[in-house]
Amino acid sequence: MAAKSFSASQDEHGIYHLQGELSIHELDKLRSFLDNSLKGGQENAISLAKVRFIDTAALQLLIAFKRRSEPEIKMRISDVSTEVEKILSLSGLKAALL
C-alpha cells in the first residue's frame, strides 16, 4: 500500500495551508512541519480547507501539539474542508481542535 501524502505551504498572510491526506503514514512529516514551522509568541493559523482526509492519528497529533505548545505557540485552525468537518463531528474532536 502506497503512503498517502500531504503538502504544506504558507501564503502572503502567514497562513499555513495543508493539502492532501493526513494519515498515520504521514505523522513524522506532519510532526516535523509543526515543530519547524510554527513559531512562538504569535498566532499561527493553519488551514485544512484542502485536506481531503484526516485520520484519528493525525487529529491526535494536531491536538497534542496544540495543547503541549500553548501558551508559547498559539495554533489556530482557520478553515476546514467539508471532509474534515465531518470527521471532526463524528469523532467528537471538534471542540478540542477548533
C-alpha atoms as a PDB file:
ATOM      1  CA  MET A   1       0.000   0.000   0.000  1.00  0.00           C
ATOM      2  CA  ALA A   2       1.441   3.357  -1.021  1.00  0.00           C
ATOM      3  CA  ALA A   3       1.753   6.027   1.617  1.00  0.00           C
ATOM      4  CA  LYS A   4      -0.665   8.879   1.354  1.00  0.00           C
ATOM      5  CA  SER A   5       0.830  12.326   1.212  1.00  0.00           C
ATOM      6  CA  PHE A   6       0.228  15.917   2.067  1.00  0.00           C
ATOM      7  CA  SER A   7       1.971  19.174   1.387  1.00  0.00           C
ATOM      8  CA  ALA A   8       2.215  22.438   3.265  1.00  0.00           C
ATOM      9  CA  SER A   9       2.725  25.982   2.066  1.00  0.00           C
ATOM     10  CA  GLN A  10       2.479  29.447   3.564  1.00  0.00           C
ATOM     11  CA  ASP A  11       0.647  32.314   1.880  1.00  0.00           C
ATOM     12  CA  GLU A  12       1.426  36.050   1.944  1.00  0.00           C
ATOM     13  CA  HIS A  13      -0.743  36.462   5.073  1.00  0.00           C
ATOM     14  CA  GLY A  14       1.269  33.896   7.011  1.00  0.00           C
ATOM     15  CA  ILE A  15      -1.438  31.202   6.933  1.00  0.00           C
ATOM     16  CA  TYR A  16      -0.128  27.664   6.560  1.00  0.00           C
ATOM     17  CA  HIS A  17      -2.179  25.645   4.063  1.00  0.00           C
ATOM     18  CA  LEU A  18      -2.118  21.874   4.418  1.00  0.00           C
ATOM     19  CA  GLN A  19      -3.277  19.937   1.397  1.00  0.00           C
ATOM     20  CA  GLY A  20      -3.900  16.304   0.576  1.00  0.00           C
ATOM     21  CA  GLU A  21      -4.358  13.489   3.063  1.00  0.00           C
ATOM     22  CA  LEU A  22      -3.178  13.444   6.678  1.00  0.00           C
ATOM     23  CA  SER A  23      -2.863   9.914   7.974  1.00  0.00           C
ATOM     24  CA  ILE A  24      -0.750   7.743  10.214  1.00  0.00           C
ATOM     25  CA  HIS A  25       1.586   7.293   7.233  1.00  0.00           C
ATOM     26  CA  GLU A  26       2.432  10.992   7.333  1.00  0.00           C
ATOM     27  CA  LEU A  27       2.823  11.540  11.096  1.00  0.00           C
ATOM     28  CA  ASP A  28       6.579  12.064  11.001  1.00  0.00           C
ATOM     29  CA  LYS A  29       6.251  14.591   8.192  1.00  0.00           C
ATOM     30  CA  LEU A  30       3.372  16.370   9.972  1.00  0.00           C
ATOM     31  CA  ARG A  31       5.252  16.439  13.295  1.00  0.00           C
ATOM     32  CA  SER A  32       8.332  17.852  11.569  1.00  0.00           C
ATOM     33  CA  PHE A  33       6.210  20.522   9.858  1.00  0.00           C
ATOM     34  CA  LEU A  34       4.619  21.563  13.171  1.00  0.00           C
ATOM     35  CA  ASP A  35       7.936  21.673  15.040  1.00  0.00           C
ATOM     36  CA  ASN A  36       9.787  23.583  12.321  1.00  0.00           C
ATOM     37  CA  SER A  37       7.134  25.977  11.020  1.00  0.00           C
ATOM     38  CA  LEU A  38       5.089  27.231  13.928  1.00  0.00           C
ATOM     39  CA  LYS A  39       6.754  29.994  15.906  1.00  0.00           C
ATOM     40  CA  GLY A  40       6.239  31.095  19.488  1.00  0.00           C
ATOM     41  CA  GLY A  41       4.957  34.494  20.524  1.00  0.00           C
ATOM     42  CA  GLN A  42       2.488  34.843  17.695  1.00  0.00           C
ATOM     43  CA  GLU A  43      -0.718  33.301  16.452  1.00  0.00           C
ATOM     44  CA  ASN A  44      -0.130  30.644  13.818  1.00  0.00           C
ATOM     45  CA  ALA A  45      -3.064  29.929  11.516  1.00  0.00           C
ATOM     46  CA  ILE A  46      -3.398  26.583   9.761  1.00  0.00           C
ATOM     47  CA  SER A  47      -5.929  25.981   7.024  1.00  0.00           C
ATOM     48  CA  LEU A  48      -7.241  22.470   6.485  1.00  0.00           C
ATOM     49  CA  ALA A  49      -9.541  23.628   3.666  1.00  0.00           C
ATOM     50  CA  LYS A  50      -7.713  21.485   1.084  1.00  0.00           C
ATOM     51  CA  VAL A  51      -7.316  18.388   3.244  1.00  0.00           C
ATOM     52  CA  ARG A  52      -9.327  15.544   1.688  1.00  0.00           C
ATOM     53  CA  PHE A  53      -8.860  13.098   4.562  1.00  0.00           C
ATOM     54  CA  ILE A  54      -7.561  13.123   8.122  1.00  0.00           C
ATOM     55  CA  ASP A  55      -7.419  10.100  10.392  1.00  0.00           C
ATOM     56  CA  THR A  56      -7.542   9.981  14.177  1.00  0.00           C
ATOM     57  CA  ALA A  57      -3.749   9.628  14.474  1.00  0.00           C
ATOM     58  CA  ALA A  58      -3.210  12.929  12.636  1.00  0.00           C
ATOM     59  CA  LEU A  59      -6.012  14.593  14.619  1.00  0.00           C
ATOM     60  CA  GLN A  60      -4.461  13.412  17.873  1.00  0.00           C
ATOM     61  CA  LEU A  61      -1.077  14.790  16.814  1.00  0.00           C
ATOM     62  CA  LEU A  62      -2.569  18.212  15.987  1.00  0.00           C
ATOM     63  CA  ILE A  63      -4.427  18.326  19.300  1.00  0.00           C
ATOM     64  CA  ALA A  64      -1.387  17.150  21.275  1.00  0.00           C
ATOM     65  CA  PHE A  65       0.832  19.752  19.603  1.00  0.00           C
ATOM     66  CA  LYS A  66      -1.701  22.472  20.311  1.00  0.00           C
ATOM     67  CA  ARG A  67      -2.011  21.515  23.985  1.00  0.00           C
ATOM     68  CA  ARG A  68       1.711  20.932  24.522  1.00  0.00           C
ATOM     69  CA  SER A  69       2.838  24.192  22.966  1.00  0.00           C
ATOM     70  CA  GLU A  70       0.358  26.673  24.463  1.00  0.00           C
ATOM     71  CA  PRO A  71       0.760  29.417  25.625  1.00  0.00           C
ATOM     72  CA  GLU A  72       4.139  29.881  23.863  1.00  0.00           C
ATOM     73  CA  ILE A  73       2.789  28.872  20.461  1.00  0.00           C
ATOM     74  CA  LYS A  74      -0.768  29.779  19.606  1.00  0.00           C
ATOM     75  CA  MET A  75      -2.130  27.472  16.912  1.00  0.00           C
ATOM     76  CA  ARG A  76      -5.468  28.270  15.318  1.00  0.00           C
ATOM     77  CA  ILE A  77      -7.260  26.241  12.671  1.00  0.00           C
ATOM     78  CA  SER A  78      -8.545  28.904  10.285  1.00  0.00           C
ATOM     79  CA  ASP A  79     -10.611  26.761   7.932  1.00  0.00           C
ATOM     80  CA  VAL A  80     -11.534  23.118   7.358  1.00  0.00           C
ATOM     81  CA  SER A  81     -12.805  21.181   4.372  1.00  0.00           C
ATOM     82  CA  THR A  82     -16.202  19.512   4.373  1.00  0.00           C
ATOM     83  CA  GLU A  83     -14.496  16.135   4.753  1.00  0.00           C
ATOM     84  CA  VAL A  84     -12.509  17.248   7.807  1.00  0.00           C
ATOM     85  CA  GLU A  85     -15.604  18.874   9.312  1.00  0.00           C
ATOM     86  CA  LYS A  86     -17.463  15.552   9.062  1.00  0.00           C
ATOM     87  CA  ILE A  87     -14.599  13.610  10.639  1.00  0.00           C
ATOM     88  CA  LEU A  88     -14.293  16.126  13.487  1.00  0.00           C
ATOM     89  CA  SER A  89     -18.013  15.915  14.169  1.00  0.00           C
ATOM     90  CA  LEU A  90     -18.104  12.113  14.043  1.00  0.00           C
ATOM     91  CA  SER A  91     -15.043  11.710  16.245  1.00  0.00           C
ATOM     92  CA  GLY A  92     -16.173  14.251  18.825  1.00  0.00           C
ATOM     93  CA  LEU A  93     -12.864  16.127  18.489  1.00  0.00           C
ATOM     94  CA  LYS A  94     -14.232  19.342  17.012  1.00  0.00           C
ATOM     95  CA  ALA A  95     -14.119  21.294  20.272  1.00  0.00           C
ATOM     96  CA  ALA A  96     -10.585  20.107  21.048  1.00  0.00           C
ATOM     97  CA  LEU A  97      -9.165  21.323  17.746  1.00  0.00           C
ATOM     98  CA  LEU A  98     -11.248  24.300  16.663  1.00  0.00           C
END
